[in-house]
Amino acid sequence: MLSIACLSKITSGLSKITSGLLINQMVKSPYDEYGCCISCGYTWCETLNECIRVWETYCESLDGH
């Protein structure tokens, strides 16, 4: 049978792991490797060498994707 002290340590450890996972998810950048804001709908266009929204600007290098 586990003691209360042992259960407390296990619970505390699980709480730290869960908190760490949540913090990791919250601090993820909304920007891709090119600096385009993914959550804003921007995608990198190689042809134009800039971030675009595909429904606003045509990008030849994204044609067919």
C-alpha atoms as a PDB file:
ATOM      1  CA  MET A   1       0.000   0.000   0.000  1.00  0.00           C
ATOM      2  CA  LEU A   2       1.289   3.456  -0.890  1.00  0.00           C
ATOM      3  CA  SER A   3       1.744   5.944   1.872  1.00  0.00           C
ATOM      4  CA  ILE A   4       0.116   9.377   1.778  1.00  0.00           C
ATOM      5  CA  ALA A   5       3.563  10.994   1.428  1.00  0.00           C
ATOM      6  CA  CYS A   6       4.353   8.781  -1.574  1.00  0.00           C
ATOM      7  CA  LEU A   7       0.993   9.537  -3.221  1.00  0.00           C
ATOM      8  CA  SER A   8       1.554  13.229  -2.605  1.00  0.00           C
ATOM      9  CA  LYS A   9       4.932  13.092  -4.383  1.00  0.00           C
ATOM     10  CA  ILE A  10       3.422  11.217  -7.335  1.00  0.00           C
ATOM     11  CA  THR A  11       0.546  13.687  -7.603  1.00  0.00           C
ATOM     12  CA  SER A  12       2.942  16.620  -7.360  1.00  0.00           C
ATOM     13  CA  GLY A  13       5.152  15.137 -10.081  1.00  0.00           C
ATOM     14  CA  LEU A  14       2.203  14.543 -12.405  1.00  0.00           C
ATOM     15  CA  SER A  15       0.988  18.072 -11.781  1.00  0.00           C
ATOM     16  CA  LYS A  16       4.393  19.492 -12.781  1.00  0.00           C
ATOM     17  CA  ILE A  17       4.470  17.379 -15.951  1.00  0.00           C
ATOM     18  CA  THR A  18       0.949  18.446 -16.911  1.00  0.00           C
ATOM     19  CA  SER A  19       1.742  22.112 -16.219  1.00  0.00           C
ATOM     20  CA  GLY A  20       4.900  21.866 -18.302  1.00  0.00           C
ATOM     21  CA  LEU A  21       3.008  20.375 -21.234  1.00  0.00           C
ATOM     22  CA  LEU A  22       0.359  23.086 -21.087  1.00  0.00           C
ATOM     23  CA  ILE A  23       2.981  25.834 -20.931  1.00  0.00           C
ATOM     24  CA  ASN A  24       4.794  24.279 -23.904  1.00  0.00           C
ATOM     25  CA  GLN A  25       1.592  24.375 -25.938  1.00  0.00           C
ATOM     26  CA  MET A  26       0.865  27.967 -24.951  1.00  0.00           C
ATOM     27  CA  VAL A  27       4.293  29.373 -25.860  1.00  0.00           C
ATOM     28  CA  LYS A  28       4.489  27.867 -29.331  1.00  0.00           C
ATOM     29  CA  SER A  29       4.982  30.603 -31.835  1.00  0.00           C
ATOM     30  CA  PRO A  30       2.130  31.377 -34.219  1.00  0.00           C
ATOM     31  CA  TYR A  31       4.788  32.126 -36.844  1.00  0.00           C
ATOM     32  CA  ASP A  32       6.464  29.705 -39.231  1.00  0.00           C
ATOM     33  CA  GLU A  33      10.178  29.630 -40.068  1.00  0.00           C
ATOM     34  CA  TYR A  34       9.714  32.517 -42.523  1.00  0.00           C
ATOM     35  CA  GLY A  35       7.939  34.745 -40.019  1.00  0.00           C
ATOM     36  CA  CYS A  36       4.494  34.216 -41.537  1.00  0.00           C
ATOM     37  CA  CYS A  37       1.622  34.301 -39.034  1.00  0.00           C
ATOM     38  CA  ILE A  38      -0.004  30.907 -39.590  1.00  0.00           C
ATOM     39  CA  SER A  39      -3.005  31.602 -37.368  1.00  0.00           C
ATOM     40  CA  CYS A  40      -3.618  34.792 -39.362  1.00  0.00           C
ATOM     41  CA  GLY A  41      -3.828  32.757 -42.571  1.00  0.00           C
ATOM     42  CA  TYR A  42      -0.433  33.686 -44.005  1.00  0.00           C
ATOM     43  CA  THR A  43       1.737  31.279 -45.991  1.00  0.00           C
ATOM     44  CA  TRP A  44       5.233  31.759 -47.374  1.00  0.00           C
ATOM     45  CA  CYS A  45       5.377  32.325 -51.135  1.00  0.00           C
ATOM     46  CA  GLU A  46       8.763  31.513 -52.674  1.00  0.00           C
ATOM     47  CA  THR A  47       7.861  33.225 -55.943  1.00  0.00           C
ATOM     48  CA  LEU A  48       7.065  36.565 -54.303  1.00  0.00           C
ATOM     49  CA  ASN A  49       9.502  36.089 -51.426  1.00  0.00           C
ATOM     50  CA  GLU A  50       6.889  37.175 -48.872  1.00  0.00           C
ATOM     51  CA  CYS A  51       4.051  36.001 -46.655  1.00  0.00           C
ATOM     52  CA  ILE A  52       0.688  36.003 -48.395  1.00  0.00           C
ATOM     53  CA  ARG A  53      -2.890  34.892 -47.893  1.00  0.00           C
ATOM     54  CA  VAL A  54      -3.631  32.528 -50.767  1.00  0.00           C
ATOM     55  CA  TRP A  55      -7.202  33.792 -51.126  1.00  0.00           C
ATOM     56  CA  GLU A  56      -5.925  37.363 -51.561  1.00  0.00           C
ATOM     57  CA  THR A  57      -2.741  36.943 -53.592  1.00  0.00           C
ATOM     58  CA  TYR A  58      -1.800  34.449 -56.298  1.00  0.00           C
ATOM     59  CA  CYS A  59       1.480  32.614 -55.740  1.00  0.00           C
ATOM     60  CA  GLU A  60       2.899  30.577 -58.591  1.00  0.00           C
ATOM     61  CA  SER A  61       5.107  28.463 -56.322  1.00  0.00           C
ATOM     62  CA  LEU A  62       2.007  27.385 -54.330  1.00  0.00           C
ATOM     63  CA  ASP A  63      -0.045  26.563 -57.418  1.00  0.00           C
ATOM     64  CA  GLY A  64      -1.484  23.083 -57.013  1.00  0.00           C
ATOM     65  CA  HIS A  65      -0.932  22.866 -53.239  1.00  0.00           C
END
